[in-house]
N, C-alpha and C. Protein backbone atom coordinates (compact mmCIF):
# COMPACT_ATOMS: atom_id res chain seq x y z
N UNK A 1 7.73 42.17 10.11
CA UNK A 1 6.61 42.30 11.23
C UNK A 1 5.33 42.83 10.42
N UNK A 2 5.66 43.79 9.39
CA UNK A 2 4.39 44.34 8.84
C UNK A 2 3.37 43.04 8.00
N UNK A 3 4.15 42.20 7.15
CA UNK A 3 3.71 41.19 6.55
C UNK A 3 2.84 40.34 7.57
N UNK A 4 3.61 39.86 8.80
CA UNK A 4 2.79 38.95 9.85
C UNK A 4 1.62 39.64 10.07
N UNK A 5 1.74 41.06 10.36
CA UNK A 5 0.23 41.94 11.08
C UNK A 5 -0.54 41.76 10.09
N UNK A 6 -0.53 41.87 8.80
CA UNK A 6 -1.20 42.17 7.87
C UNK A 6 -1.95 40.90 7.52
N UNK A 7 -1.11 39.42 7.70
CA UNK A 7 -1.51 38.16 7.57
C UNK A 7 -2.56 38.02 8.79
N UNK A 8 -2.25 38.24 9.93
CA UNK A 8 -3.22 37.90 11.19
C UNK A 8 -4.33 38.77 10.73
N UNK A 9 -4.54 40.06 10.63
CA UNK A 9 -5.53 40.67 9.84
C UNK A 9 -6.25 40.16 8.93
N UNK A 10 -6.04 39.30 7.84
CA UNK A 10 -6.63 38.52 6.90
C UNK A 10 -7.15 37.49 7.57
N UNK A 11 -6.28 36.47 8.31
CA UNK A 11 -6.70 35.22 9.11
C UNK A 11 -8.20 35.90 9.77
N UNK A 12 -8.18 36.83 10.56
CA UNK A 12 -9.28 37.01 11.35
C UNK A 12 -10.54 37.26 10.50
N UNK A 13 -10.26 38.18 9.38
CA UNK A 13 -11.42 38.32 8.11
C UNK A 13 -11.92 37.00 7.68
N UNK A 14 -11.15 36.02 7.59
CA UNK A 14 -11.46 34.87 6.90
C UNK A 14 -11.91 33.99 7.92
N UNK A 15 -11.66 33.96 9.31
CA UNK A 15 -12.50 33.05 10.28
C UNK A 15 -13.99 33.41 10.22
N UNK A 16 -14.18 35.04 10.05
CA UNK A 16 -15.85 35.23 10.26
C UNK A 16 -16.22 34.97 8.85
N UNK A 17 -15.96 34.87 7.80
CA UNK A 17 -16.56 34.36 6.35
C UNK A 17 -16.46 33.20 6.06
N UNK A 18 -15.40 32.49 6.40
CA UNK A 18 -15.24 30.88 5.98
C UNK A 18 -16.56 30.50 6.29
N UNK A 19 -16.96 29.61 5.01
CA UNK A 19 -18.29 28.64 5.19
C UNK A 19 -17.66 26.88 5.62
N UNK A 20 -16.52 26.99 5.69
CA UNK A 20 -15.89 25.54 6.21
C UNK A 20 -15.33 25.83 7.52
N UNK A 21 -16.07 24.99 8.55
CA UNK A 21 -15.59 24.97 9.90
C UNK A 21 -14.29 24.78 10.34
N UNK A 22 -13.88 23.36 9.44
CA UNK A 22 -12.59 22.91 9.49
C UNK A 22 -11.16 24.05 9.26
N UNK A 23 -11.45 24.85 7.98
CA UNK A 23 -10.73 25.43 7.38
C UNK A 23 -10.62 26.71 8.45
N UNK A 24 -11.75 27.17 8.84
CA UNK A 24 -12.06 28.42 9.60
C UNK A 24 -11.24 28.13 11.13
N UNK A 25 -11.16 26.86 11.44
CA UNK A 25 -10.32 26.66 12.63
C UNK A 25 -8.89 26.44 12.53
N UNK A 26 -8.43 26.00 11.39
CA UNK A 26 -7.28 25.94 10.82
C UNK A 26 -6.64 27.37 10.67
N UNK A 27 -7.28 28.27 10.28
CA UNK A 27 -6.77 29.63 9.84
C UNK A 27 -6.75 30.16 11.19
N UNK A 28 -7.70 30.39 12.11
CA UNK A 28 -7.45 30.85 13.39
C UNK A 28 -6.37 30.21 14.26
N UNK A 29 -5.90 28.91 14.17
CA UNK A 29 -4.81 28.67 14.74
C UNK A 29 -3.78 29.19 14.43
N UNK A 30 -3.71 29.17 13.14
CA UNK A 30 -2.32 29.62 12.27
C UNK A 30 -2.02 30.90 12.37
N UNK A 31 -3.15 31.82 12.62
CA UNK A 31 -2.92 33.41 13.05
C UNK A 31 -2.35 33.57 14.38
N UNK A 32 -2.30 32.50 15.06
CA UNK A 32 -1.58 32.60 16.66
C UNK A 32 -0.14 31.95 16.85
N UNK A 33 0.56 31.51 15.61
CA UNK A 33 1.68 30.85 15.39
C UNK A 33 2.69 31.82 15.95
N UNK A 34 3.54 31.52 16.75
CA UNK A 34 4.69 32.18 17.18
C UNK A 34 5.80 31.72 16.33
N UNK A 35 6.39 32.31 15.28
CA UNK A 35 7.39 31.88 14.58
C UNK A 35 8.85 32.18 15.18
N UNK A 36 9.65 31.43 15.65
CA UNK A 36 11.06 32.00 16.17
C UNK A 36 12.07 31.20 15.28
N UNK A 37 12.42 30.17 16.13
CA UNK A 37 13.76 29.15 15.25
C UNK A 37 13.25 28.11 14.66
N UNK A 38 14.05 27.51 13.74
CA UNK A 38 13.66 26.50 13.24
C UNK A 38 13.37 25.23 14.24
N UNK A 39 14.06 25.37 15.51
CA UNK A 39 13.82 24.23 16.50
C UNK A 39 12.93 24.25 17.24
N UNK A 40 12.12 25.64 17.20
CA UNK A 40 11.01 25.62 18.13
C UNK A 40 9.56 26.19 17.16
N UNK A 41 9.54 25.99 16.06
CA UNK A 41 8.57 26.36 15.12
C UNK A 41 7.91 25.22 14.41
N UNK A 42 6.86 24.71 14.45
CA UNK A 42 6.18 23.56 13.79
C UNK A 42 6.01 24.05 12.53
N UNK A 43 6.34 22.89 11.81
CA UNK A 43 6.26 23.19 10.18
C UNK A 43 5.70 22.06 9.32
N UNK A 44 5.07 22.02 8.58
CA UNK A 44 4.46 20.98 7.67
C UNK A 44 5.04 21.41 6.02
N UNK A 45 5.88 20.18 5.49
CA UNK A 45 6.27 20.34 4.24
C UNK A 45 5.27 19.55 3.23
N UNK A 46 4.84 20.47 2.11
CA UNK A 46 4.05 20.01 1.57
C UNK A 46 4.33 19.99 0.11
N UNK A 47 3.62 19.03 -0.67
CA UNK A 47 3.84 18.76 -2.09
C UNK A 47 2.45 18.39 -2.97
N UNK A 48 2.35 19.20 -3.99
CA UNK A 48 1.05 18.90 -4.81
C UNK A 48 1.53 18.42 -6.14
N UNK A 49 0.79 17.34 -6.75
CA UNK A 49 0.81 17.15 -8.23
C UNK A 49 -0.37 17.61 -8.66
N UNK A 50 -0.28 18.20 -10.05
CA UNK A 50 -1.49 18.88 -10.87
C UNK A 50 -1.24 18.43 -12.11
N UNK A 51 -2.42 18.34 -12.73
CA UNK A 51 -2.67 18.11 -14.02
C UNK A 51 -1.94 19.00 -15.20
N UNK A 52 -1.42 20.30 -14.78
CA UNK A 52 -0.73 21.05 -15.42
C UNK A 52 -0.50 22.28 -14.54
N UNK A 53 -0.07 23.32 -15.19
CA UNK A 53 0.55 24.45 -14.38
C UNK A 53 -0.50 25.79 -13.95
N UNK A 54 -1.49 25.58 -14.61
CA UNK A 54 -2.59 26.61 -14.42
C UNK A 54 -3.59 26.50 -13.55
N UNK A 55 -3.74 27.28 -12.42
CA UNK A 55 -4.54 26.89 -11.03
C UNK A 55 -5.86 27.15 -11.68
N UNK A 56 -6.30 27.94 -12.68
CA UNK A 56 -7.73 28.25 -12.92
C UNK A 56 -8.00 27.15 -13.84
N UNK A 57 -7.29 26.26 -14.58
CA UNK A 57 -7.78 25.39 -15.38
C UNK A 57 -7.27 23.82 -15.47
N UNK A 58 -6.35 23.85 -14.46
CA UNK A 58 -5.94 22.40 -14.23
C UNK A 58 -6.20 22.10 -12.72
N UNK A 59 -5.93 20.65 -12.27
CA UNK A 59 -6.52 20.41 -11.18
C UNK A 59 -5.48 19.58 -10.35
N UNK A 60 -5.57 19.49 -9.03
CA UNK A 60 -5.01 18.92 -8.22
C UNK A 60 -5.27 17.15 -8.28
N UNK A 61 -3.93 16.38 -8.19
CA UNK A 61 -4.29 15.09 -8.47
C UNK A 61 -3.67 14.22 -7.24
N UNK A 62 -2.73 15.02 -6.39
CA UNK A 62 -2.42 14.50 -5.47
C UNK A 62 -1.81 15.24 -4.49
N UNK A 63 -1.51 14.79 -3.10
CA UNK A 63 -0.94 15.63 -2.19
C UNK A 63 -0.02 14.89 -1.14
N UNK A 64 0.96 15.58 -0.77
CA UNK A 64 1.78 14.49 0.33
C UNK A 64 2.37 15.65 1.09
N UNK A 65 2.52 15.34 2.46
CA UNK A 65 3.04 15.78 3.50
C UNK A 65 3.70 15.20 4.56
N UNK A 66 4.43 16.05 5.20
CA UNK A 66 5.40 15.41 6.42
C UNK A 66 5.43 16.71 7.56
N UNK A 67 5.58 16.44 8.44
CA UNK A 67 5.89 17.47 9.63
C UNK A 67 7.32 17.66 9.91
N UNK A 68 7.78 18.76 10.38
CA UNK A 68 8.88 18.98 10.94
C UNK A 68 8.84 19.54 12.21
N UNK A 69 9.23 18.97 13.18
CA UNK A 69 9.18 19.43 14.63
C UNK A 69 10.26 19.33 15.42
N UNK A 70 10.78 20.42 16.21
CA UNK A 70 12.23 20.63 16.74
C UNK A 70 13.27 20.37 15.89
N UNK A 71 13.03 20.93 14.75
CA UNK A 71 14.27 20.65 13.70
C UNK A 71 14.32 19.36 12.91
N UNK A 72 13.63 18.67 13.24
CA UNK A 72 13.62 17.01 12.77
C UNK A 72 12.41 16.74 12.00
N UNK A 73 12.88 16.09 11.04
CA UNK A 73 11.58 15.68 10.11
C UNK A 73 10.74 14.09 10.84
N UNK A 74 9.63 14.26 11.00
CA UNK A 74 8.88 13.31 11.49
C UNK A 74 8.28 12.24 10.61
N UNK A 75 8.83 11.41 10.11
CA UNK A 75 8.87 10.34 9.04
C UNK A 75 7.07 9.78 9.09
N UNK A 76 7.12 9.63 10.67
CA UNK A 76 5.96 8.74 11.03
C UNK A 76 4.31 9.60 10.72
N UNK A 77 4.69 10.99 10.47
CA UNK A 77 3.55 11.80 9.97
C UNK A 77 3.27 11.75 8.69
N UNK A 78 4.02 11.06 7.75
CA UNK A 78 3.74 11.09 6.48
C UNK A 78 2.37 10.73 5.90
N UNK A 79 2.07 11.43 4.89
CA UNK A 79 0.39 11.37 4.19
C UNK A 79 0.74 11.58 2.79
N UNK A 80 0.03 10.63 1.99
CA UNK A 80 0.08 10.76 0.44
C UNK A 80 -1.40 10.32 0.05
N UNK A 81 -1.89 11.19 -0.52
CA UNK A 81 -3.28 11.05 -1.19
C UNK A 81 -3.62 11.29 -2.57
N UNK A 82 -4.09 10.55 -3.26
CA UNK A 82 -4.47 10.66 -4.39
C UNK A 82 -5.90 11.24 -4.40
N UNK A 83 -6.25 12.27 -5.63
CA UNK A 83 -7.40 13.00 -5.40
C UNK A 83 -8.12 12.44 -6.87
N UNK A 84 -9.23 12.20 -6.82
CA UNK A 84 -10.10 11.83 -7.72
C UNK A 84 -10.44 13.32 -8.49
N UNK A 85 -10.34 13.24 -10.06
CA UNK A 85 -10.25 14.31 -10.62
C UNK A 85 -11.10 14.17 -11.92
N UNK A 86 -12.08 14.98 -12.24
CA UNK A 86 -12.95 14.81 -13.51
C UNK A 86 -11.82 15.05 -14.83
N UNK A 87 -11.00 15.85 -14.34
CA UNK A 87 -9.94 16.03 -15.59
C UNK A 87 -8.93 15.14 -15.67
N UNK A 88 -8.84 14.74 -16.99
CA UNK A 88 -7.54 13.61 -17.13
C UNK A 88 -6.03 14.20 -16.72
N UNK A 89 -5.39 13.20 -16.58
CA UNK A 89 -3.80 13.32 -16.30
C UNK A 89 -3.17 13.94 -17.39
N UNK A 90 -3.38 13.56 -18.59
CA UNK A 90 -3.21 14.07 -20.07
C UNK A 90 -1.52 13.75 -19.89
N UNK A 91 -1.01 14.88 -20.34
CA UNK A 91 0.80 14.94 -20.77
C UNK A 91 1.47 14.69 -19.36
N UNK A 92 0.74 15.35 -18.10
CA UNK A 92 1.34 15.29 -16.99
C UNK A 92 1.63 13.72 -16.39
N UNK A 93 1.12 12.98 -17.01
CA UNK A 93 1.40 11.33 -16.68
C UNK A 93 2.83 10.92 -16.68
N UNK A 94 3.48 11.38 -17.92
CA UNK A 94 4.82 11.39 -17.85
C UNK A 94 5.62 11.78 -16.74
N UNK A 95 5.28 12.88 -16.08
CA UNK A 95 6.06 13.55 -15.22
C UNK A 95 5.58 12.61 -13.88
N UNK A 96 4.23 12.36 -13.57
CA UNK A 96 3.88 12.17 -12.21
C UNK A 96 3.85 10.51 -12.32
N UNK A 97 4.13 9.82 -13.26
CA UNK A 97 3.70 8.43 -13.28
C UNK A 97 2.21 8.05 -12.78
N UNK A 98 1.19 8.46 -12.96
CA UNK A 98 -0.07 8.24 -12.78
C UNK A 98 -0.94 8.05 -13.76
N UNK A 99 -1.72 7.57 -13.68
CA UNK A 99 -2.78 7.48 -15.03
C UNK A 99 -4.20 7.60 -14.58
N UNK A 100 -4.94 8.07 -15.52
CA UNK A 100 -6.37 8.21 -15.12
C UNK A 100 -7.00 7.19 -14.07
N UNK A 101 -6.46 5.96 -14.30
CA UNK A 101 -7.19 4.99 -13.52
C UNK A 101 -6.60 5.05 -11.99
N UNK A 102 -5.50 5.39 -12.02
CA UNK A 102 -4.83 5.44 -10.47
C UNK A 102 -5.70 6.57 -9.56
N UNK A 103 -5.85 7.52 -10.32
CA UNK A 103 -6.55 8.99 -9.38
C UNK A 103 -7.91 8.61 -9.48
N UNK A 104 -8.66 7.59 -10.37
CA UNK A 104 -10.07 7.26 -10.15
C UNK A 104 -10.53 6.75 -8.85
N UNK A 105 -9.24 6.05 -8.24
CA UNK A 105 -9.45 5.51 -6.77
C UNK A 105 -9.32 6.57 -5.55
N UNK A 106 -9.04 7.62 -6.00
CA UNK A 106 -8.46 8.68 -5.29
C UNK A 106 -9.84 9.13 -4.12
N UNK A 107 -9.52 10.08 -3.31
CA UNK A 107 -10.62 10.78 -2.40
C UNK A 107 -10.97 12.16 -2.96
N UNK A 108 -12.10 12.19 -2.81
CA UNK A 108 -12.65 13.83 -3.36
C UNK A 108 -11.35 15.02 -3.15
N UNK A 109 -11.29 16.04 -3.90
CA UNK A 109 -10.77 16.89 -3.29
C UNK A 109 -11.10 17.87 -2.31
N UNK A 110 -12.39 17.91 -1.99
CA UNK A 110 -12.58 18.20 -0.71
C UNK A 110 -12.21 17.59 0.56
N UNK A 111 -12.69 16.36 0.48
CA UNK A 111 -12.03 15.53 1.23
C UNK A 111 -10.33 15.35 1.52
N UNK A 112 -9.82 15.65 0.57
CA UNK A 112 -8.21 16.01 0.77
C UNK A 112 -7.86 17.13 1.22
N UNK A 113 -8.59 18.04 0.61
CA UNK A 113 -8.12 19.73 1.65
C UNK A 113 -8.53 19.49 2.99
N UNK A 114 -9.59 19.06 3.48
CA UNK A 114 -10.04 18.73 4.77
C UNK A 114 -8.98 18.02 5.68
N UNK A 115 -8.22 16.91 5.05
CA UNK A 115 -7.01 16.28 5.70
C UNK A 115 -5.91 17.04 5.85
N UNK A 116 -5.66 17.95 4.77
CA UNK A 116 -4.56 18.61 4.71
C UNK A 116 -4.56 20.00 5.59
N UNK A 117 -5.75 20.52 5.71
CA UNK A 117 -5.81 21.79 6.43
C UNK A 117 -6.06 21.32 7.81
N UNK A 118 -6.46 19.96 8.19
CA UNK A 118 -6.40 19.49 9.57
C UNK A 118 -5.19 19.21 10.10
N UNK A 119 -4.42 18.84 9.19
CA UNK A 119 -3.04 18.17 9.65
C UNK A 119 -2.26 19.76 9.72
N UNK A 120 -2.49 20.69 8.93
CA UNK A 120 -1.72 21.97 8.84
C UNK A 120 -2.03 23.06 10.03
N UNK A 121 -2.96 22.84 10.83
CA UNK A 121 -3.18 23.41 11.99
C UNK A 121 -2.03 23.85 12.71
N UNK A 122 -1.98 25.02 12.84
CA UNK A 122 -0.88 25.66 14.08
C UNK A 122 0.46 25.11 13.77
N UNK A 123 0.75 25.23 12.21
CA UNK A 123 2.10 24.98 11.45
C UNK A 123 2.44 25.94 10.49
N UNK A 124 3.52 26.11 10.35
CA UNK A 124 3.88 27.09 9.05
C UNK A 124 4.08 26.02 7.89
N UNK A 125 3.84 26.58 6.60
CA UNK A 125 3.71 25.76 5.50
C UNK A 125 5.14 25.85 4.77
N UNK A 126 5.70 24.63 4.35
CA UNK A 126 6.86 24.69 3.72
C UNK A 126 6.66 24.31 2.17
N UNK A 127 7.15 24.91 1.26
CA UNK A 127 6.86 24.44 -0.24
C UNK A 127 8.28 24.61 -0.59
N UNK A 128 8.51 23.96 -1.97
CA UNK A 128 9.64 24.29 -2.64
C UNK A 128 9.07 25.02 -4.04
N UNK A 129 9.18 26.60 -4.34
CA UNK A 129 8.45 27.05 -5.11
C UNK A 129 6.92 27.34 -4.96
N UNK A 130 6.71 27.79 -3.88
CA UNK A 130 5.34 28.10 -3.14
C UNK A 130 4.31 28.58 -4.00
N UNK A 131 4.60 29.70 -4.99
CA UNK A 131 3.78 30.41 -5.51
C UNK A 131 2.73 29.28 -6.41
N UNK A 132 3.29 28.27 -6.74
CA UNK A 132 2.59 27.38 -7.84
C UNK A 132 1.85 26.54 -6.86
N UNK A 133 2.07 26.22 -5.76
CA UNK A 133 1.33 25.55 -5.00
C UNK A 133 0.19 25.99 -4.39
N UNK A 134 0.70 27.09 -3.48
CA UNK A 134 -0.21 27.75 -2.91
C UNK A 134 -1.60 28.38 -3.92
N UNK A 135 -1.12 28.78 -5.27
CA UNK A 135 -2.20 29.23 -6.00
C UNK A 135 -3.01 28.02 -6.53
N UNK A 136 -2.78 27.13 -6.66
CA UNK A 136 -3.74 25.94 -6.51
C UNK A 136 -4.87 25.44 -5.34
N UNK A 137 -4.01 25.62 -4.29
CA UNK A 137 -4.77 25.66 -2.83
C UNK A 137 -5.59 26.72 -2.72
N UNK A 138 -5.35 27.75 -3.03
CA UNK A 138 -5.98 29.03 -2.74
C UNK A 138 -7.21 28.97 -4.17
N UNK A 139 -7.05 28.38 -5.29
CA UNK A 139 -8.17 28.32 -5.86
C UNK A 139 -9.23 27.22 -5.71
N UNK A 140 -8.65 26.05 -5.29
CA UNK A 140 -9.39 24.95 -4.63
C UNK A 140 -10.43 25.53 -3.45
N UNK A 141 -9.54 26.33 -2.68
CA UNK A 141 -10.45 26.77 -1.29
C UNK A 141 -11.40 27.74 -1.90
N UNK A 142 -10.97 28.75 -2.74
CA UNK A 142 -12.28 29.39 -3.14
C UNK A 142 -13.61 28.78 -3.54
N UNK A 143 -13.30 27.76 -4.09
CA UNK A 143 -14.61 26.72 -4.53
C UNK A 143 -15.27 26.23 -3.47
N UNK A 144 -14.13 25.64 -2.63
CA UNK A 144 -14.89 24.66 -1.52
C UNK A 144 -15.39 25.48 -0.21
N UNK A 145 -14.41 26.60 0.16
CA UNK A 145 -14.74 26.76 1.56
C UNK A 145 -15.39 28.55 1.21
N UNK A 146 -15.44 28.87 -0.04
CA UNK A 146 -16.00 30.16 -0.22
C UNK A 146 -15.09 31.38 -0.27
N UNK A 147 -13.86 31.22 0.21
CA UNK A 147 -12.86 32.26 0.42
C UNK A 147 -11.15 32.13 0.21
N UNK A 148 -10.62 33.05 -0.29
CA UNK A 148 -9.11 32.86 -0.78
C UNK A 148 -8.50 32.67 0.99
N UNK A 149 -7.72 31.53 1.24
CA UNK A 149 -7.27 31.29 2.36
C UNK A 149 -5.89 32.01 2.33
N UNK A 150 -5.38 32.88 3.61
CA UNK A 150 -4.08 33.47 3.44
C UNK A 150 -3.26 32.30 3.89
N UNK A 151 -1.96 32.43 3.39
CA UNK A 151 -0.90 31.11 3.93
C UNK A 151 0.44 32.04 4.19
N UNK A 152 1.18 31.59 5.26
CA UNK A 152 2.29 31.86 5.84
C UNK A 152 3.40 30.90 5.59
N UNK A 153 4.39 30.89 4.66
CA UNK A 153 5.21 29.91 3.94
C UNK A 153 6.63 30.22 4.07
N UNK A 154 7.33 29.07 4.27
CA UNK A 154 8.81 29.12 4.03
C UNK A 154 8.99 28.55 2.78
N UNK A 155 9.62 28.90 1.67
CA UNK A 155 9.77 28.74 0.35
C UNK A 155 11.28 28.38 0.05
N UNK A 156 11.86 27.17 0.02
CA UNK A 156 13.10 26.93 0.12
C UNK A 156 13.90 27.26 -1.18
N UNK A 157 12.87 27.51 -2.24
CA UNK A 157 13.48 27.93 -3.69
C UNK A 157 13.86 29.37 -3.33
N UNK A 158 13.20 30.19 -2.65
CA UNK A 158 13.31 31.48 -2.29
C UNK A 158 14.40 31.65 -1.40
N UNK A 159 14.51 30.88 -0.12
CA UNK A 159 15.49 30.92 0.48
C UNK A 159 16.83 30.78 -0.02
N UNK A 160 16.87 29.89 -0.96
CA UNK A 160 18.20 29.64 -1.65
C UNK A 160 18.50 30.72 -2.45
N UNK A 161 17.37 31.50 -3.17
CA UNK A 161 17.81 32.36 -4.22
C UNK A 161 18.12 33.64 -3.23
N UNK A 162 17.61 33.55 -2.10
CA UNK A 162 18.06 34.99 -1.44
C UNK A 162 19.31 34.87 -1.09
N UNK A 163 19.93 33.95 -0.34
CA UNK A 163 21.02 33.69 0.05
C UNK A 163 22.21 33.34 -1.01
N UNK A 164 22.11 33.04 -1.92
CA UNK A 164 23.12 33.27 -3.27
C UNK A 164 22.96 34.68 -3.53
N UNK A 165 21.91 35.35 -3.58
CA UNK A 165 22.10 36.86 -4.18
C UNK A 165 22.82 37.52 -3.26
N UNK A 166 22.57 37.38 -1.78
CA UNK A 166 23.32 38.17 -0.88
C UNK A 166 24.79 37.96 -1.07
N UNK A 167 25.16 36.60 -1.55
CA UNK A 167 26.62 36.30 -1.75
C UNK A 167 27.06 36.44 -3.31
N UNK A 168 26.24 37.18 -4.02
CA UNK A 168 26.63 37.53 -5.39
C UNK A 168 27.00 36.59 -6.14
N UNK A 169 26.31 35.23 -6.03
CA UNK A 169 26.68 33.81 -6.54
C UNK A 169 25.63 33.75 -7.85
N UNK A 170 26.64 33.06 -8.93
CA UNK A 170 25.67 33.00 -10.04
C UNK A 170 24.52 31.81 -10.01
N UNK A 171 23.27 32.21 -10.73
CA UNK A 171 22.45 31.14 -10.52
C UNK A 171 21.86 30.57 -11.85
N UNK A 172 22.77 29.47 -12.54
CA UNK A 172 22.40 29.06 -13.94
C UNK A 172 21.00 28.68 -14.14
N UNK A 173 20.49 28.77 -14.91
CA UNK A 173 19.42 28.48 -15.34
C UNK A 173 18.98 27.07 -15.06
N UNK A 174 17.73 26.93 -14.24
CA UNK A 174 17.18 25.42 -13.64
C UNK A 174 18.28 25.04 -12.40
N UNK A 175 19.02 25.90 -11.86
CA UNK A 175 19.77 25.69 -10.63
C UNK A 175 18.95 25.51 -9.37
N UNK A 176 17.86 26.12 -9.41
CA UNK A 176 17.40 26.44 -8.18
C UNK A 176 15.87 25.01 -8.18
N UNK A 177 15.93 24.28 -9.07
CA UNK A 177 14.90 23.29 -9.09
C UNK A 177 15.23 22.35 -7.99
N UNK A 178 14.30 21.85 -7.69
CA UNK A 178 14.38 20.79 -6.11
C UNK A 178 15.51 19.57 -6.33
N UNK A 179 15.61 19.31 -7.45
CA UNK A 179 16.67 17.85 -7.74
C UNK A 179 17.91 18.71 -7.68
N UNK A 180 17.99 19.52 -8.53
CA UNK A 180 19.32 20.29 -8.51
C UNK A 180 19.98 20.69 -7.48
N UNK A 181 19.11 21.31 -6.63
CA UNK A 181 19.47 21.67 -5.15
C UNK A 181 19.88 20.62 -4.12
N UNK A 182 19.03 19.78 -4.10
CA UNK A 182 19.39 18.58 -3.50
C UNK A 182 20.67 18.02 -3.90
N UNK A 183 20.92 17.97 -5.00
CA UNK A 183 22.31 17.44 -5.62
C UNK A 183 23.56 18.23 -5.00
N UNK A 184 23.10 19.78 -5.11
CA UNK A 184 24.18 20.78 -4.49
C UNK A 184 24.18 20.31 -3.15
N UNK A 185 23.49 20.16 -2.26
CA UNK A 185 23.67 20.05 -0.77
C UNK A 185 24.13 18.49 -0.46
N UNK A 186 24.05 17.78 -1.46
CA UNK A 186 24.60 16.38 -1.52
C UNK A 186 23.43 15.06 -0.59
N UNK A 187 22.47 15.59 -0.99
CA UNK A 187 20.77 14.83 -0.43
C UNK A 187 20.63 13.70 -1.25
N UNK A 188 20.31 12.80 -0.86
CA UNK A 188 20.12 11.38 -1.55
C UNK A 188 19.21 11.73 -2.85
N UNK A 189 19.51 10.97 -3.93
CA UNK A 189 18.75 10.80 -4.95
C UNK A 189 17.71 9.91 -5.12
N UNK A 190 16.34 10.52 -4.70
CA UNK A 190 15.15 9.49 -4.66
C UNK A 190 14.98 9.13 -6.53
N UNK A 191 14.53 8.21 -6.70
CA UNK A 191 14.15 7.62 -8.05
C UNK A 191 12.80 7.96 -8.20
N UNK A 192 11.82 7.41 -7.38
CA UNK A 192 10.51 7.50 -7.49
C UNK A 192 10.19 9.26 -7.35
N UNK A 193 9.00 9.32 -8.02
CA UNK A 193 8.43 10.60 -7.94
C UNK A 193 6.87 10.94 -7.81
N UNK A 194 6.72 11.18 -6.56
CA UNK A 194 5.10 11.75 -6.11
C UNK A 194 5.26 12.78 -4.98
N UNK A 195 4.00 12.98 -4.61
CA UNK A 195 3.84 14.35 -3.76
C UNK A 195 4.56 13.84 -2.50
N UNK A 196 4.14 12.61 -2.03
CA UNK A 196 5.00 12.70 -0.50
C UNK A 196 6.44 12.48 -0.81
N UNK A 197 7.13 11.80 -1.62
CA UNK A 197 8.55 11.86 -1.76
C UNK A 197 9.06 13.52 -2.03
N UNK A 198 8.47 14.25 -2.84
CA UNK A 198 8.66 15.59 -2.89
C UNK A 198 8.43 16.62 -1.74
N UNK A 199 7.43 16.19 -0.81
CA UNK A 199 7.37 16.87 0.22
C UNK A 199 8.68 16.62 1.41
N UNK A 200 8.55 15.11 1.33
CA UNK A 200 9.80 14.79 2.22
C UNK A 200 11.44 15.49 1.63
N UNK A 201 11.33 15.42 0.33
CA UNK A 201 12.62 16.16 -0.15
C UNK A 201 12.69 17.56 0.27
N UNK A 202 11.45 18.15 0.12
CA UNK A 202 11.73 19.66 0.48
C UNK A 202 12.11 19.83 1.74
N UNK A 203 11.67 18.98 2.74
CA UNK A 203 11.61 19.05 4.28
C UNK A 203 13.28 18.87 4.51
N UNK A 204 13.62 18.00 3.84
CA UNK A 204 15.47 17.61 3.73
C UNK A 204 16.20 18.80 3.43
N UNK A 205 15.60 19.30 2.12
CA UNK A 205 16.15 20.67 1.47
C UNK A 205 16.34 21.72 2.67
N UNK A 206 15.15 21.97 3.42
CA UNK A 206 14.74 23.04 4.40
C UNK A 206 16.13 22.93 5.32
N UNK A 207 16.22 21.64 5.79
CA UNK A 207 17.03 21.65 7.06
C UNK A 207 18.45 21.82 6.41
N UNK A 208 18.84 21.31 5.24
CA UNK A 208 20.29 21.60 4.62
C UNK A 208 20.51 23.11 4.34
N UNK A 209 19.58 23.96 3.78
CA UNK A 209 19.78 25.11 3.46
C UNK A 209 19.56 26.01 4.84
N UNK A 210 18.81 25.72 5.92
CA UNK A 210 19.25 26.29 7.36
C UNK A 210 20.46 26.11 8.07
N UNK A 211 21.00 24.88 7.65
CA UNK A 211 22.24 24.66 8.23
C UNK A 211 23.51 25.41 7.70
N UNK A 212 22.94 25.66 6.29
CA UNK A 212 23.96 26.49 5.67
C UNK A 212 23.88 28.23 5.95
N UNK A 213 22.71 28.47 6.34
CA UNK A 213 22.41 30.05 6.55
C UNK A 213 22.77 30.35 8.05
N UNK A 214 23.10 29.25 8.79
CA UNK A 214 23.23 29.40 10.39
C UNK A 214 23.80 27.88 10.58
N UNK A 215 25.03 27.47 10.53
CA UNK A 215 25.69 26.61 10.88
C UNK A 215 25.75 26.51 12.43
N UNK A 216 25.78 27.75 13.20
CA UNK A 216 26.44 27.54 14.54
C UNK A 216 25.08 27.58 15.42
N UNK A 217 23.82 27.75 15.13
CA UNK A 217 22.63 27.41 15.81
C UNK A 217 21.38 27.40 14.87
N UNK A 218 20.17 27.10 15.65
CA UNK A 218 18.99 26.88 15.10
C UNK A 218 18.37 28.13 14.11
N UNK A 219 18.24 28.20 12.81
CA UNK A 219 17.88 29.36 12.07
C UNK A 219 16.56 30.11 12.52
N UNK A 220 16.57 31.38 12.44
CA UNK A 220 15.73 32.24 12.99
C UNK A 220 14.96 32.26 11.57
N UNK A 221 13.63 32.19 11.77
CA UNK A 221 12.58 31.85 10.57
C UNK A 221 11.80 33.39 10.09
N UNK A 222 11.90 34.28 11.11
CA UNK A 222 10.69 35.25 10.72
C UNK A 222 11.40 35.98 9.31
N UNK A 223 12.33 36.39 9.23
CA UNK A 223 12.62 36.94 7.92
C UNK A 223 12.70 36.25 6.90
N UNK A 224 12.38 35.16 6.68
CA UNK A 224 12.18 34.22 5.55
C UNK A 224 10.95 33.75 5.20
N UNK A 225 10.08 34.31 6.02
CA UNK A 225 8.62 34.18 5.64
C UNK A 225 7.93 34.75 4.54
N UNK A 226 7.06 33.94 3.84
CA UNK A 226 6.35 34.91 2.72
C UNK A 226 4.99 34.58 2.95
N UNK A 227 4.11 35.87 2.53
CA UNK A 227 2.84 35.70 2.83
C UNK A 227 1.89 35.83 1.50
N UNK A 228 0.82 34.75 1.44
CA UNK A 228 0.18 34.86 0.12
C UNK A 228 -1.25 35.03 0.73
């Protein structure tokens, strides 16, 4: 409850200071979200692809997202954007299977952020390993909107970690990676790798973890929120 109260206070301050109208409207709507159960809380599962892991020195090169409503993934809302970057994809090309020529045809980072934050209005963000993606989004928003944006997030990695910790289960190195957890929950193995597929993979993993945490009813989300 205290974290949610602080989040709302930060949202109100951001709305007053933000120089981008679309972001201010997003933050204003998100500050009033009533988070209850998975079945009645609007969510947006998001994944980013970056040129590296340093939010200050590396760049976002792709975004993908999908909605979760009434406890179901709405695949018709899927969106995948390549982001034009002045920074080479470098060694990350081996991971993302994208080249400099691929992202050269992408939209600007500002256009990508505008589309993403418009889609995320009134929704709780869902990430796998949220700290990394949020750090890149906050860095980008500081340059674009002039202020660090607050985030209210469900992190599938942290949810799984908390559940295993409560049950005193061992967590082998690398066991909390997205692909490893999907195998644990017997979810499909997607061979392609891009931001949209990983966003959908995260959405599916969230539903699997929620079913494990509360198999008899829709999971209450409040205690699983993280605030950035």
